[in-house]
Amino acid sequence: MSRKTSAEIPASRSRWGSIGSAATYLAAAMLAAACAADPPNSLEQRQSDIRATKEFYSKLNSDHIYYYPHVRIRVENGVAHLSGYVWNTQALYHAKEIATGVPGVIAVVDNLELERDVR
């Protein structure tokens, strides 16, 4: 049976120490990512989001100035995500203004596009 020299022992411990450190950092990173994720929606929040979506579409459909057949909304945790397209900048700003005024909406993410009439 051979004995390890004193020069071999620190190298072996150093390697295992590096693996242990890497595992510790990985575990810490995974824990931080899990904590940063949004918590699951509560039933009340989902119901509030559904009410806000219905209210938004109701307000769009009752607007007599602008026509919004291509505007969509998705509300998650009170954040309204607008998508689709409108025909002019006034309609774009007005759709965002409508979404901002809906009860239950705390923020608006505007992904609307301006569709130009190409003739």
PDB file of N, CA and C in Angstrom:
ATOM      1  N   MET A   1       0.836  -1.154   0.000  1.00  0.00           N
ATOM      2  CA  MET A   1       0.000   0.000   0.000  1.00  0.00           C
ATOM      3  C   MET A   1       0.894   1.234   0.000  1.00  0.00           C
ATOM      4  N   SER A   2       0.592   2.138  -0.902  1.00  0.00           N
ATOM      5  CA  SER A   2       1.450   3.314  -0.982  1.00  0.00           C
ATOM      6  C   SER A   2       0.848   4.449  -0.201  1.00  0.00           C
ATOM      7  N   ARG A   3       1.692   5.220   0.341  1.00  0.00           N
ATOM      8  CA  ARG A   3       1.259   6.384   1.114  1.00  0.00           C
ATOM      9  C   ARG A   3       1.337   7.605   0.214  1.00  0.00           C
ATOM     10  N   LYS A   4       0.398   8.510   0.386  1.00  0.00           N
ATOM     11  CA  LYS A   4       0.418   9.752  -0.394  1.00  0.00           C
ATOM     12  C   LYS A   4       1.454  10.680   0.180  1.00  0.00           C
ATOM     13  N   THR A   5       2.098  11.353  -0.688  1.00  0.00           N
ATOM     14  CA  THR A   5       3.061  12.349  -0.237  1.00  0.00           C
ATOM     15  C   THR A   5       2.303  13.605   0.150  1.00  0.00           C
ATOM     16  N   SER A   6       2.949  14.455   0.875  1.00  0.00           N
ATOM     17  CA  SER A   6       2.305  15.686   1.325  1.00  0.00           C
ATOM     18  C   SER A   6       1.943  16.588   0.146  1.00  0.00           C
ATOM     19  N   ALA A   7       2.632  16.459  -0.975  1.00  0.00           N
ATOM     20  CA  ALA A   7       2.322  17.281  -2.150  1.00  0.00           C
ATOM     21  C   ALA A   7       1.036  16.805  -2.817  1.00  0.00           C
ATOM     22  N   GLU A   8       0.667  15.524  -2.700  1.00  0.00           N
ATOM     23  CA  GLU A   8      -0.522  14.996  -3.337  1.00  0.00           C
ATOM     24  C   GLU A   8      -1.796  15.301  -2.543  1.00  0.00           C
ATOM     25  N   ILE A   9      -1.714  15.392  -1.254  1.00  0.00           N
ATOM     26  CA  ILE A   9      -2.895  15.590  -0.417  1.00  0.00           C
ATOM     27  C   ILE A   9      -3.573  16.931  -0.684  1.00  0.00           C
ATOM     28  N   PRO A  10      -2.871  18.071  -0.686  1.00  0.00           N
ATOM     29  CA  PRO A  10      -3.558  19.332  -0.945  1.00  0.00           C
ATOM     30  C   PRO A  10      -4.195  19.371  -2.336  1.00  0.00           C
ATOM     31  N   ALA A  11      -3.564  18.764  -3.327  1.00  0.00           N
ATOM     32  CA  ALA A  11      -4.135  18.775  -4.670  1.00  0.00           C
ATOM     33  C   ALA A  11      -5.452  18.022  -4.679  1.00  0.00           C
ATOM     34  N   SER A  12      -5.533  16.902  -4.004  1.00  0.00           N
ATOM     35  CA  SER A  12      -6.749  16.112  -3.946  1.00  0.00           C
ATOM     36  C   SER A  12      -7.846  16.868  -3.194  1.00  0.00           C
ATOM     37  N   ARG A  13      -7.499  17.429  -2.059  1.00  0.00           N
ATOM     38  CA  ARG A  13      -8.481  18.196  -1.291  1.00  0.00           C
ATOM     39  C   ARG A  13      -8.904  19.443  -2.052  1.00  0.00           C
ATOM     40  N   SER A  14      -7.993  20.045  -2.759  1.00  0.00           N
ATOM     41  CA  SER A  14      -8.290  21.242  -3.527  1.00  0.00           C
ATOM     42  C   SER A  14      -9.321  20.938  -4.613  1.00  0.00           C
ATOM     43  N   ARG A  15      -9.167  19.801  -5.276  1.00  0.00           N
ATOM     44  CA  ARG A  15     -10.092  19.422  -6.338  1.00  0.00           C
ATOM     45  C   ARG A  15     -11.485  19.197  -5.750  1.00  0.00           C
ATOM     46  N   TRP A  16     -11.574  18.455  -4.642  1.00  0.00           N
ATOM     47  CA  TRP A  16     -12.867  18.199  -4.008  1.00  0.00           C
ATOM     48  C   TRP A  16     -13.452  19.488  -3.443  1.00  0.00           C
ATOM     49  N   GLY A  17     -12.611  20.350  -2.972  1.00  0.00           N
ATOM     50  CA  GLY A  17     -13.083  21.646  -2.479  1.00  0.00           C
ATOM     51  C   GLY A  17     -13.695  22.465  -3.605  1.00  0.00           C
ATOM     52  N   SER A  18     -13.099  22.412  -4.795  1.00  0.00           N
ATOM     53  CA  SER A  18     -13.628  23.140  -5.961  1.00  0.00           C
ATOM     54  C   SER A  18     -14.969  22.577  -6.385  1.00  0.00           C
ATOM     55  N   ILE A  19     -15.089  21.252  -6.369  1.00  0.00           N
ATOM     56  CA  ILE A  19     -16.355  20.616  -6.747  1.00  0.00           C
ATOM     57  C   ILE A  19     -17.439  20.989  -5.730  1.00  0.00           C
ATOM     58  N   GLY A  20     -17.073  20.957  -4.459  1.00  0.00           N
ATOM     59  CA  GLY A  20     -18.028  21.343  -3.414  1.00  0.00           C
ATOM     60  C   GLY A  20     -18.448  22.793  -3.535  1.00  0.00           C
ATOM     61  N   SER A  21     -17.509  23.661  -3.849  1.00  0.00           N
ATOM     62  CA  SER A  21     -17.832  25.081  -4.026  1.00  0.00           C
ATOM     63  C   SER A  21     -18.746  25.284  -5.226  1.00  0.00           C
ATOM     64  N   ALA A  22     -18.438  24.576  -6.303  1.00  0.00           N
ATOM     65  CA  ALA A  22     -19.271  24.693  -7.510  1.00  0.00           C
ATOM     66  C   ALA A  22     -20.689  24.214  -7.216  1.00  0.00           C
ATOM     67  N   ALA A  23     -20.828  23.126  -6.492  1.00  0.00           N
ATOM     68  CA  ALA A  23     -22.156  22.611  -6.140  1.00  0.00           C
ATOM     69  C   ALA A  23     -22.888  23.601  -5.243  1.00  0.00           C
ATOM     70  N   THR A  24     -22.184  24.217  -4.335  1.00  0.00           N
ATOM     71  CA  THR A  24     -22.797  25.198  -3.439  1.00  0.00           C
ATOM     72  C   THR A  24     -23.276  26.406  -4.228  1.00  0.00           C
ATOM     73  N   TYR A  25     -22.464  26.901  -5.157  1.00  0.00           N
ATOM     74  CA  TYR A  25     -22.854  28.046  -5.976  1.00  0.00           C
ATOM     75  C   TYR A  25     -24.051  27.703  -6.861  1.00  0.00           C
ATOM     76  N   LEU A  26     -24.053  26.501  -7.412  1.00  0.00           N
ATOM     77  CA  LEU A  26     -25.165  26.069  -8.257  1.00  0.00           C
ATOM     78  C   LEU A  26     -26.457  26.003  -7.446  1.00  0.00           C
ATOM     79  N   ALA A  27     -26.383  25.437  -6.257  1.00  0.00           N
ATOM     80  CA  ALA A  27     -27.566  25.346  -5.398  1.00  0.00           C
ATOM     81  C   ALA A  27     -28.069  26.735  -5.025  1.00  0.00           C
ATOM     82  N   ALA A  28     -27.161  27.652  -4.722  1.00  0.00           N
ATOM     83  CA  ALA A  28     -27.549  29.016  -4.377  1.00  0.00           C
ATOM     84  C   ALA A  28     -28.204  29.715  -5.568  1.00  0.00           C
ATOM     85  N   ALA A  29     -27.662  29.504  -6.762  1.00  0.00           N
ATOM     86  CA  ALA A  29     -28.229  30.118  -7.965  1.00  0.00           C
ATOM     87  C   ALA A  29     -29.624  29.566  -8.238  1.00  0.00           C
ATOM     88  N   MET A  30     -29.819  28.266  -8.059  1.00  0.00           N
ATOM     89  CA  MET A  30     -31.130  27.663  -8.280  1.00  0.00           C
ATOM     90  C   MET A  30     -32.143  28.180  -7.263  1.00  0.00           C
ATOM     91  N   LEU A  31     -31.723  28.333  -6.026  1.00  0.00           N
ATOM     92  CA  LEU A  31     -32.602  28.849  -4.985  1.00  0.00           C
ATOM     93  C   LEU A  31     -33.000  30.293  -5.284  1.00  0.00           C
ATOM     94  N   ALA A  32     -32.030  31.097  -5.717  1.00  0.00           N
ATOM     95  CA  ALA A  32     -32.324  32.498  -6.051  1.00  0.00           C
ATOM     96  C   ALA A  32     -33.299  32.575  -7.219  1.00  0.00           C
ATOM     97  N   ALA A  33     -33.135  31.723  -8.231  1.00  0.00           N
ATOM     98  CA  ALA A  33     -34.038  31.724  -9.383  1.00  0.00           C
ATOM     99  C   ALA A  33     -35.442  31.313  -8.963  1.00  0.00           C
ATOM    100  N   ALA A  34     -35.547  30.338  -8.079  1.00  0.00           N
ATOM    101  CA  ALA A  34     -36.864  29.891  -7.609  1.00  0.00           C
ATOM    102  C   ALA A  34     -37.558  30.987  -6.819  1.00  0.00           C
ATOM    103  N   CYS A  35     -36.813  31.726  -6.032  1.00  0.00           N
ATOM    104  CA  CYS A  35     -37.404  32.806  -5.232  1.00  0.00           C
ATOM    105  C   CYS A  35     -37.807  33.986  -6.102  1.00  0.00           C
ATOM    106  N   ALA A  36     -37.120  34.192  -7.217  1.00  0.00           N
ATOM    107  CA  ALA A  36     -37.401  35.330  -8.085  1.00  0.00           C
ATOM    108  C   ALA A  36     -38.619  35.085  -8.965  1.00  0.00           C
ATOM    109  N   ALA A  37     -39.027  33.846  -9.148  1.00  0.00           N
ATOM    110  CA  ALA A  37     -40.171  33.537 -10.005  1.00  0.00           C
ATOM    111  C   ALA A  37     -41.450  34.074  -9.373  1.00  0.00           C
ATOM    112  N   ASP A  38     -42.391  34.466 -10.240  1.00  0.00           N
ATOM    113  CA  ASP A  38     -43.667  34.960  -9.744  1.00  0.00           C
ATOM    114  C   ASP A  38     -44.415  33.840  -9.039  1.00  0.00           C
ATOM    115  N   PRO A  39     -45.062  34.166  -7.941  1.00  0.00           N
ATOM    116  CA  PRO A  39     -45.864  33.145  -7.264  1.00  0.00           C
ATOM    117  C   PRO A  39     -47.067  32.801  -8.135  1.00  0.00           C
ATOM    118  N   PRO A  40     -47.629  31.627  -7.967  1.00  0.00           N
ATOM    119  CA  PRO A  40     -48.804  31.277  -8.765  1.00  0.00           C
ATOM    120  C   PRO A  40     -49.961  32.226  -8.465  1.00  0.00           C
ATOM    121  N   ASN A  41     -50.763  32.494  -9.474  1.00  0.00           N
ATOM    122  CA  ASN A  41     -51.907  33.390  -9.303  1.00  0.00           C
ATOM    123  C   ASN A  41     -52.910  32.788  -8.329  1.00  0.00           C
ATOM    124  N   SER A  42     -53.435  33.631  -7.481  1.00  0.00           N
ATOM    125  CA  SER A  42     -54.510  33.183  -6.602  1.00  0.00           C
ATOM    126  C   SER A  42     -55.803  33.195  -7.406  1.00  0.00           C
ATOM    127  N   LEU A  43     -56.817  32.532  -6.883  1.00  0.00           N
ATOM    128  CA  LEU A  43     -58.123  32.509  -7.537  1.00  0.00           C
ATOM    129  C   LEU A  43     -58.672  33.926  -7.667  1.00  0.00           C
ATOM    130  N   GLU A  44     -58.514  34.737  -6.631  1.00  0.00           N
ATOM    131  CA  GLU A  44     -58.997  36.120  -6.666  1.00  0.00           C
ATOM    132  C   GLU A  44     -58.303  36.933  -7.756  1.00  0.00           C
ATOM    133  N   GLN A  45     -56.987  36.727  -7.900  1.00  0.00           N
ATOM    134  CA  GLN A  45     -56.246  37.469  -8.920  1.00  0.00           C
ATOM    135  C   GLN A  45     -56.684  37.042 -10.320  1.00  0.00           C
ATOM    136  N   ARG A  46     -56.858  35.756 -10.525  1.00  0.00           N
ATOM    137  CA  ARG A  46     -57.313  35.279 -11.841  1.00  0.00           C
ATOM    138  C   ARG A  46     -58.687  35.857 -12.173  1.00  0.00           C
ATOM    139  N   GLN A  47     -59.595  35.885 -11.177  1.00  0.00           N
ATOM    140  CA  GLN A  47     -60.925  36.451 -11.407  1.00  0.00           C
ATOM    141  C   GLN A  47     -60.844  37.941 -11.710  1.00  0.00           C
ATOM    142  N   SER A  48     -59.971  38.649 -11.016  1.00  0.00           N
ATOM    143  CA  SER A  48     -59.767  40.075 -11.275  1.00  0.00           C
ATOM    144  C   SER A  48     -59.233  40.295 -12.687  1.00  0.00           C
ATOM    145  N   ASP A  49     -58.304  39.451 -13.120  1.00  0.00           N
ATOM    146  CA  ASP A  49     -57.750  39.554 -14.474  1.00  0.00           C
ATOM    147  C   ASP A  49     -58.828  39.304 -15.528  1.00  0.00           C
ATOM    148  N   ILE A  50     -59.707  38.340 -15.277  1.00  0.00           N
ATOM    149  CA  ILE A  50     -60.797  38.042 -16.217  1.00  0.00           C
ATOM    150  C   ILE A  50     -61.769  39.216 -16.287  1.00  0.00           C
ATOM    151  N   ARG A  51     -62.114  39.781 -15.129  1.00  0.00           N
ATOM    152  CA  ARG A  51     -63.006  40.957 -15.111  1.00  0.00           C
ATOM    153  C   ARG A  51     -62.378  42.119 -15.869  1.00  0.00           C
ATOM    154  N   ALA A  52     -61.090  42.347 -15.660  1.00  0.00           N
ATOM    155  CA  ALA A  52     -60.400  43.446 -16.344  1.00  0.00           C
ATOM    156  C   ALA A  52     -60.393  43.223 -17.858  1.00  0.00           C
ATOM    157  N   THR A  53     -60.189  41.998 -18.285  1.00  0.00           N
ATOM    158  CA  THR A  53     -60.194  41.687 -19.717  1.00  0.00           C
ATOM    159  C   THR A  53     -61.564  41.972 -20.316  1.00  0.00           C
ATOM    160  N   LYS A  54     -62.615  41.510 -19.654  1.00  0.00           N
ATOM    161  CA  LYS A  54     -63.977  41.747 -20.143  1.00  0.00           C
ATOM    162  C   LYS A  54     -64.302  43.236 -20.182  1.00  0.00           C
ATOM    163  N   GLU A  55     -63.899  43.955 -19.152  1.00  0.00           N
ATOM    164  CA  GLU A  55     -64.149  45.408 -19.080  1.00  0.00           C
ATOM    165  C   GLU A  55     -63.426  46.129 -20.224  1.00  0.00           C
ATOM    166  N   PHE A  56     -62.195  45.718 -20.500  1.00  0.00           N
ATOM    167  CA  PHE A  56     -61.424  46.339 -21.579  1.00  0.00           C
ATOM    168  C   PHE A  56     -62.136  46.152 -22.920  1.00  0.00           C
ATOM    169  N   TYR A  57     -62.535  44.901 -23.224  1.00  0.00           N
ATOM    170  CA  TYR A  57     -63.217  44.643 -24.491  1.00  0.00           C
ATOM    171  C   TYR A  57     -64.553  45.369 -24.566  1.00  0.00           C
ATOM    172  N   SER A  58     -65.248  45.483 -23.459  1.00  0.00           N
ATOM    173  CA  SER A  58     -66.514  46.214 -23.429  1.00  0.00           C
ATOM    174  C   SER A  58     -66.285  47.684 -23.776  1.00  0.00           C
ATOM    175  N   LYS A  59     -65.258  48.279 -23.199  1.00  0.00           N
ATOM    176  CA  LYS A  59     -64.956  49.688 -23.483  1.00  0.00           C
ATOM    177  C   LYS A  59     -64.504  49.880 -24.931  1.00  0.00           C
ATOM    178  N   LEU A  60     -63.719  48.945 -25.458  1.00  0.00           N
ATOM    179  CA  LEU A  60     -63.291  49.055 -26.857  1.00  0.00           C
ATOM    180  C   LEU A  60     -64.485  48.975 -27.794  1.00  0.00           C
ATOM    181  N   ASN A  61     -65.380  48.013 -27.535  1.00  0.00           N
ATOM    182  CA  ASN A  61     -66.528  47.815 -28.424  1.00  0.00           C
ATOM    183  C   ASN A  61     -67.525  48.960 -28.356  1.00  0.00           C
ATOM    184  N   SER A  62     -67.550  49.695 -27.257  1.00  0.00           N
ATOM    185  CA  SER A  62     -68.486  50.809 -27.144  1.00  0.00           C
ATOM    186  C   SER A  62     -67.885  52.126 -27.635  1.00  0.00           C
ATOM    187  N   ASP A  63     -66.644  52.114 -28.054  1.00  0.00           N
ATOM    188  CA  ASP A  63     -66.006  53.334 -28.552  1.00  0.00           C
ATOM    189  C   ASP A  63     -66.570  53.660 -29.942  1.00  0.00           C
ATOM    190  N   HIS A  64     -67.096  54.864 -30.109  1.00  0.00           N
ATOM    191  CA  HIS A  64     -67.718  55.257 -31.371  1.00  0.00           C
ATOM    192  C   HIS A  64     -66.770  56.024 -32.284  1.00  0.00           C
ATOM    193  N   ILE A  65     -65.568  56.281 -31.821  1.00  0.00           N
ATOM    194  CA  ILE A  65     -64.622  57.054 -32.618  1.00  0.00           C
ATOM    195  C   ILE A  65     -63.639  56.138 -33.351  1.00  0.00           C
ATOM    196  N   TYR A  66     -63.108  55.155 -32.641  1.00  0.00           N
ATOM    197  CA  TYR A  66     -62.095  54.274 -33.219  1.00  0.00           C
ATOM    198  C   TYR A  66     -62.641  52.863 -33.381  1.00  0.00           C
ATOM    199  N   TYR A  67     -62.069  52.149 -34.301  1.00  0.00           N
ATOM    200  CA  TYR A  67     -62.470  50.782 -34.614  1.00  0.00           C
ATOM    201  C   TYR A  67     -61.325  49.861 -34.206  1.00  0.00           C
ATOM    202  N   TYR A  68     -61.585  48.905 -33.296  1.00  0.00           N
ATOM    203  CA  TYR A  68     -60.530  48.072 -32.719  1.00  0.00           C
ATOM    204  C   TYR A  68     -60.737  46.571 -32.931  1.00  0.00           C
ATOM    205  N   PRO A  69     -60.955  46.100 -34.138  1.00  0.00           N
ATOM    206  CA  PRO A  69     -61.183  44.666 -34.294  1.00  0.00           C
ATOM    207  C   PRO A  69     -59.910  43.819 -34.146  1.00  0.00           C
ATOM    208  N   HIS A  70     -58.756  44.447 -34.241  1.00  0.00           N
ATOM    209  CA  HIS A  70     -57.505  43.697 -34.244  1.00  0.00           C
ATOM    210  C   HIS A  70     -56.671  43.907 -32.986  1.00  0.00           C
ATOM    211  N   VAL A  71     -57.272  44.447 -31.944  1.00  0.00           N
ATOM    212  CA  VAL A  71     -56.563  44.667 -30.685  1.00  0.00           C
ATOM    213  C   VAL A  71     -56.930  43.543 -29.722  1.00  0.00           C
ATOM    214  N   ARG A  72     -55.900  42.964 -29.113  1.00  0.00           N
ATOM    215  CA  ARG A  72     -56.088  41.892 -28.132  1.00  0.00           C
ATOM    216  C   ARG A  72     -55.454  42.306 -26.811  1.00  0.00           C
ATOM    217  N   ILE A  73     -55.988  41.759 -25.736  1.00  0.00           N
ATOM    218  CA  ILE A  73     -55.443  42.036 -24.410  1.00  0.00           C
ATOM    219  C   ILE A  73     -55.305  40.720 -23.656  1.00  0.00           C
ATOM    220  N   ARG A  74     -54.248  40.648 -22.880  1.00  0.00           N
ATOM    221  CA  ARG A  74     -54.028  39.527 -21.959  1.00  0.00           C
ATOM    222  C   ARG A  74     -53.644  40.168 -20.634  1.00  0.00           C
ATOM    223  N   VAL A  75     -54.421  39.885 -19.585  1.00  0.00           N
ATOM    224  CA  VAL A  75     -54.149  40.465 -18.276  1.00  0.00           C
ATOM    225  C   VAL A  75     -53.614  39.383 -17.356  1.00  0.00           C
ATOM    226  N   GLU A  76     -52.437  39.609 -16.804  1.00  0.00           N
ATOM    227  CA  GLU A  76     -51.801  38.683 -15.870  1.00  0.00           C
ATOM    228  C   GLU A  76     -51.323  39.459 -14.651  1.00  0.00           C
ATOM    229  N   ASN A  77     -51.836  39.095 -13.492  1.00  0.00           N
ATOM    230  CA  ASN A  77     -51.470  39.752 -12.236  1.00  0.00           C
ATOM    231  C   ASN A  77     -51.670  41.265 -12.296  1.00  0.00           C
ATOM    232  N   GLY A  78     -52.722  41.690 -12.995  1.00  0.00           N
ATOM    233  CA  GLY A  78     -53.024  43.107 -13.080  1.00  0.00           C
ATOM    234  C   GLY A  78     -52.268  43.854 -14.161  1.00  0.00           C
ATOM    235  N   VAL A  79     -51.394  43.183 -14.887  1.00  0.00           N
ATOM    236  CA  VAL A  79     -50.632  43.815 -15.969  1.00  0.00           C
ATOM    237  C   VAL A  79     -51.314  43.493 -17.293  1.00  0.00           C
ATOM    238  N   ALA A  80     -51.751  44.529 -17.998  1.00  0.00           N
ATOM    239  CA  ALA A  80     -52.426  44.368 -19.282  1.00  0.00           C
ATOM    240  C   ALA A  80     -51.393  44.368 -20.402  1.00  0.00           C
ATOM    241  N   HIS A  81     -51.399  43.315 -21.192  1.00  0.00           N
ATOM    242  CA  HIS A  81     -50.497  43.200 -22.354  1.00  0.00           C
ATOM    243  C   HIS A  81     -51.341  43.415 -23.609  1.00  0.00           C
ATOM    244  N   LEU A  82     -51.141  44.546 -24.274  1.00  0.00           N
ATOM    245  CA  LEU A  82     -51.881  44.853 -25.492  1.00  0.00           C
ATOM    246  C   LEU A  82     -51.088  44.390 -26.701  1.00  0.00           C
ATOM    247  N   SER A  83     -51.788  43.788 -27.651  1.00  0.00           N
ATOM    248  CA  SER A  83     -51.132  43.370 -28.890  1.00  0.00           C
ATOM    249  C   SER A  83     -52.115  43.530 -30.045  1.00  0.00           C
ATOM    250  N   GLY A  84     -51.618  43.347 -31.248  1.00  0.00           N
ATOM    251  CA  GLY A  84     -52.428  43.534 -32.440  1.00  0.00           C
ATOM    252  C   GLY A  84     -52.035  44.819 -33.126  1.00  0.00           C
ATOM    253  N   TYR A  85     -52.969  45.358 -33.922  1.00  0.00           N
ATOM    254  CA  TYR A  85     -52.634  46.593 -34.614  1.00  0.00           C
ATOM    255  C   TYR A  85     -53.835  47.519 -34.727  1.00  0.00           C
ATOM    256  N   VAL A  86     -53.520  48.780 -34.902  1.00  0.00           N
ATOM    257  CA  VAL A  86     -54.512  49.839 -35.084  1.00  0.00           C
ATOM    258  C   VAL A  86     -54.123  50.621 -36.339  1.00  0.00           C
ATOM    259  N   TRP A  87     -55.029  51.507 -36.791  1.00  0.00           N
ATOM    260  CA  TRP A  87     -54.814  52.196 -38.060  1.00  0.00           C
ATOM    261  C   TRP A  87     -54.146  53.555 -37.929  1.00  0.00           C
ATOM    262  N   ASN A  88     -54.166  54.170 -36.737  1.00  0.00           N
ATOM    263  CA  ASN A  88     -53.499  55.472 -36.599  1.00  0.00           C
ATOM    264  C   ASN A  88     -52.981  55.641 -35.175  1.00  0.00           C
ATOM    265  N   THR A  89     -52.125  56.627 -34.998  1.00  0.00           N
ATOM    266  CA  THR A  89     -51.487  56.826 -33.696  1.00  0.00           C
ATOM    267  C   THR A  89     -52.486  57.236 -32.620  1.00  0.00           C
ATOM    268  N   GLN A  90     -53.523  57.980 -32.994  1.00  0.00           N
ATOM    269  CA  GLN A  90     -54.522  58.374 -31.999  1.00  0.00           C
ATOM    270  C   GLN A  90     -55.226  57.135 -31.432  1.00  0.00           C
ATOM    271  N   ALA A  91     -55.550  56.176 -32.282  1.00  0.00           N
ATOM    272  CA  ALA A  91     -56.201  54.944 -31.830  1.00  0.00           C
ATOM    273  C   ALA A  91     -55.256  54.143 -30.937  1.00  0.00           C
ATOM    274  N   LEU A  92     -53.979  54.158 -31.265  1.00  0.00           N
ATOM    275  CA  LEU A  92     -52.982  53.450 -30.456  1.00  0.00           C
ATOM    276  C   LEU A  92     -52.928  54.028 -29.041  1.00  0.00           C
ATOM    277  N   TYR A  93     -52.817  55.342 -28.949  1.00  0.00           N
ATOM    278  CA  TYR A  93     -52.765  55.988 -27.636  1.00  0.00           C
ATOM    279  C   TYR A  93     -54.078  55.836 -26.872  1.00  0.00           C
ATOM    280  N   HIS A  94     -55.186  55.890 -27.599  1.00  0.00           N
ATOM    281  CA  HIS A  94     -56.494  55.767 -26.949  1.00  0.00           C
ATOM    282  C   HIS A  94     -56.700  54.355 -26.384  1.00  0.00           C
ATOM    283  N   ALA A  95     -56.264  53.324 -27.092  1.00  0.00           N
ATOM    284  CA  ALA A  95     -56.381  51.946 -26.595  1.00  0.00           C
ATOM    285  C   ALA A  95     -55.582  51.777 -25.307  1.00  0.00           C
ATOM    286  N   LYS A  96     -54.394  52.362 -25.275  1.00  0.00           N
ATOM    287  CA  LYS A  96     -53.571  52.291 -24.061  1.00  0.00           C
ATOM    288  C   LYS A  96     -54.236  53.063 -22.924  1.00  0.00           C
ATOM    289  N   GLU A  97     -54.836  54.196 -23.237  1.00  0.00           N
ATOM    290  CA  GLU A  97     -55.533  54.997 -22.233  1.00  0.00           C
ATOM    291  C   GLU A  97     -56.738  54.233 -21.663  1.00  0.00           C
ATOM    292  N   ILE A  98     -57.461  53.546 -22.536  1.00  0.00           N
ATOM    293  CA  ILE A  98     -58.599  52.740 -22.083  1.00  0.00           C
ATOM    294  C   ILE A  98     -58.113  51.655 -21.126  1.00  0.00           C
ATOM    295  N   ALA A  99     -57.053  50.952 -21.500  1.00  0.00           N
ATOM    296  CA  ALA A  99     -56.521  49.871 -20.652  1.00  0.00           C
ATOM    297  C   ALA A  99     -56.077  50.403 -19.298  1.00  0.00           C
ATOM    298  N   THR A 100     -55.476  51.571 -19.281  1.00  0.00           N
ATOM    299  CA  THR A 100     -55.013  52.166 -18.027  1.00  0.00           C
ATOM    300  C   THR A 100     -56.175  52.476 -17.089  1.00  0.00           C
ATOM    301  N   GLY A 101     -57.342  52.815 -17.657  1.00  0.00           N
ATOM    302  CA  GLY A 101     -58.500  53.176 -16.857  1.00  0.00           C
ATOM    303  C   GLY A 101     -59.357  52.005 -16.401  1.00  0.00           C
ATOM    304  N   VAL A 102     -58.995  50.796 -16.772  1.00  0.00           N
ATOM    305  CA  VAL A 102     -59.791  49.622 -16.382  1.00  0.00           C
ATOM    306  C   VAL A 102     -59.479  49.241 -14.935  1.00  0.00           C
ATOM    307  N   PRO A 103     -60.513  49.069 -14.104  1.00  0.00           N
ATOM    308  CA  PRO A 103     -60.275  48.640 -12.725  1.00  0.00           C
ATOM    309  C   PRO A 103     -59.577  47.276 -12.688  1.00  0.00           C
ATOM    310  N   GLY A 104     -58.562  47.167 -11.851  1.00  0.00           N
ATOM    311  CA  GLY A 104     -57.804  45.925 -11.745  1.00  0.00           C
ATOM    312  C   GLY A 104     -56.521  45.923 -12.548  1.00  0.00           C
ATOM    313  N   VAL A 105     -56.377  46.882 -13.459  1.00  0.00           N
ATOM    314  CA  VAL A 105     -55.155  46.985 -14.260  1.00  0.00           C
ATOM    315  C   VAL A 105     -54.205  47.944 -13.547  1.00  0.00           C
ATOM    316  N   ILE A 106     -53.013  47.437 -13.221  1.00  0.00           N
ATOM    317  CA  ILE A 106     -52.041  48.270 -12.510  1.00  0.00           C
ATOM    318  C   ILE A 106     -50.926  48.767 -13.421  1.00  0.00           C
ATOM    319  N   ALA A 107     -50.767  48.118 -14.582  1.00  0.00           N
ATOM    320  CA  ALA A 107     -49.739  48.531 -15.547  1.00  0.00           C
ATOM    321  C   ALA A 107     -50.152  48.044 -16.928  1.00  0.00           C
ATOM    322  N   VAL A 108     -49.628  48.715 -17.956  1.00  0.00           N
ATOM    323  CA  VAL A 108     -49.944  48.347 -19.336  1.00  0.00           C
ATOM    324  C   VAL A 108     -48.643  48.144 -20.099  1.00  0.00           C
ATOM    325  N   VAL A 109     -48.539  47.010 -20.773  1.00  0.00           N
ATOM    326  CA  VAL A 109     -47.421  46.735 -21.667  1.00  0.00           C
ATOM    327  C   VAL A 109     -47.973  46.866 -23.079  1.00  0.00           C
ATOM    328  N   ASP A 110     -47.474  47.857 -23.803  1.00  0.00           N
ATOM    329  CA  ASP A 110     -48.007  48.184 -25.120  1.00  0.00           C
ATOM    330  C   ASP A 110     -47.171  47.531 -26.209  1.00  0.00           C
ATOM    331  N   ASN A 111     -47.742  46.509 -26.844  1.00  0.00           N
ATOM    332  CA  ASN A 111     -47.105  45.863 -27.995  1.00  0.00           C
ATOM    333  C   ASN A 111     -47.940  46.067 -29.256  1.00  0.00           C
ATOM    334  N   LEU A 112     -48.733  47.131 -29.259  1.00  0.00           N
ATOM    335  CA  LEU A 112     -49.560  47.422 -30.426  1.00  0.00           C
ATOM    336  C   LEU A 112     -48.693  47.906 -31.579  1.00  0.00           C
ATOM    337  N   GLU A 113     -49.141  47.578 -32.768  1.00  0.00           N
ATOM    338  CA  GLU A 113     -48.430  48.018 -33.965  1.00  0.00           C
ATOM    339  C   GLU A 113     -49.329  48.941 -34.764  1.00  0.00           C
ATOM    340  N   LEU A 114     -48.703  49.847 -35.466  1.00  0.00           N
ATOM    341  CA  LEU A 114     -49.427  50.782 -36.330  1.00  0.00           C
ATOM    342  C   LEU A 114     -49.438  50.216 -37.730  1.00  0.00           C
ATOM    343  N   GLU A 115     -50.632  49.931 -38.226  1.00  0.00           N
ATOM    344  CA  GLU A 115     -50.797  49.376 -39.566  1.00  0.00           C
ATOM    345  C   GLU A 115     -51.026  50.526 -40.538  1.00  0.00           C
ATOM    346  N   ARG A 116     -50.158  50.638 -41.483  1.00  0.00           N
ATOM    347  CA  ARG A 116     -50.285  51.704 -42.486  1.00  0.00           C
ATOM    348  C   ARG A 116     -51.054  51.175 -43.698  1.00  0.00           C
ATOM    349  N   ASP A 117     -51.918  51.993 -44.229  1.00  0.00           N
ATOM    350  CA  ASP A 117     -52.663  51.621 -45.407  1.00  0.00           C
ATOM    351  C   ASP A 117     -51.721  51.742 -46.607  1.00  0.00           C
ATOM    352  N   VAL A 118     -51.356  50.608 -47.169  1.00  0.00           N
ATOM    353  CA  VAL A 118     -50.419  50.601 -48.296  1.00  0.00           C
ATOM    354  C   VAL A 118     -51.220  50.470 -49.583  1.00  0.00           C
ATOM    355  N   ARG A 119     -51.216  51.514 -50.367  1.00  0.00           N
ATOM    356  CA  ARG A 119     -51.942  51.486 -51.653  1.00  0.00           C
ATOM    357  C   ARG A 119     -51.031  51.884 -52.762  1.00  0.00           C
TER     358      ARG A 119
END
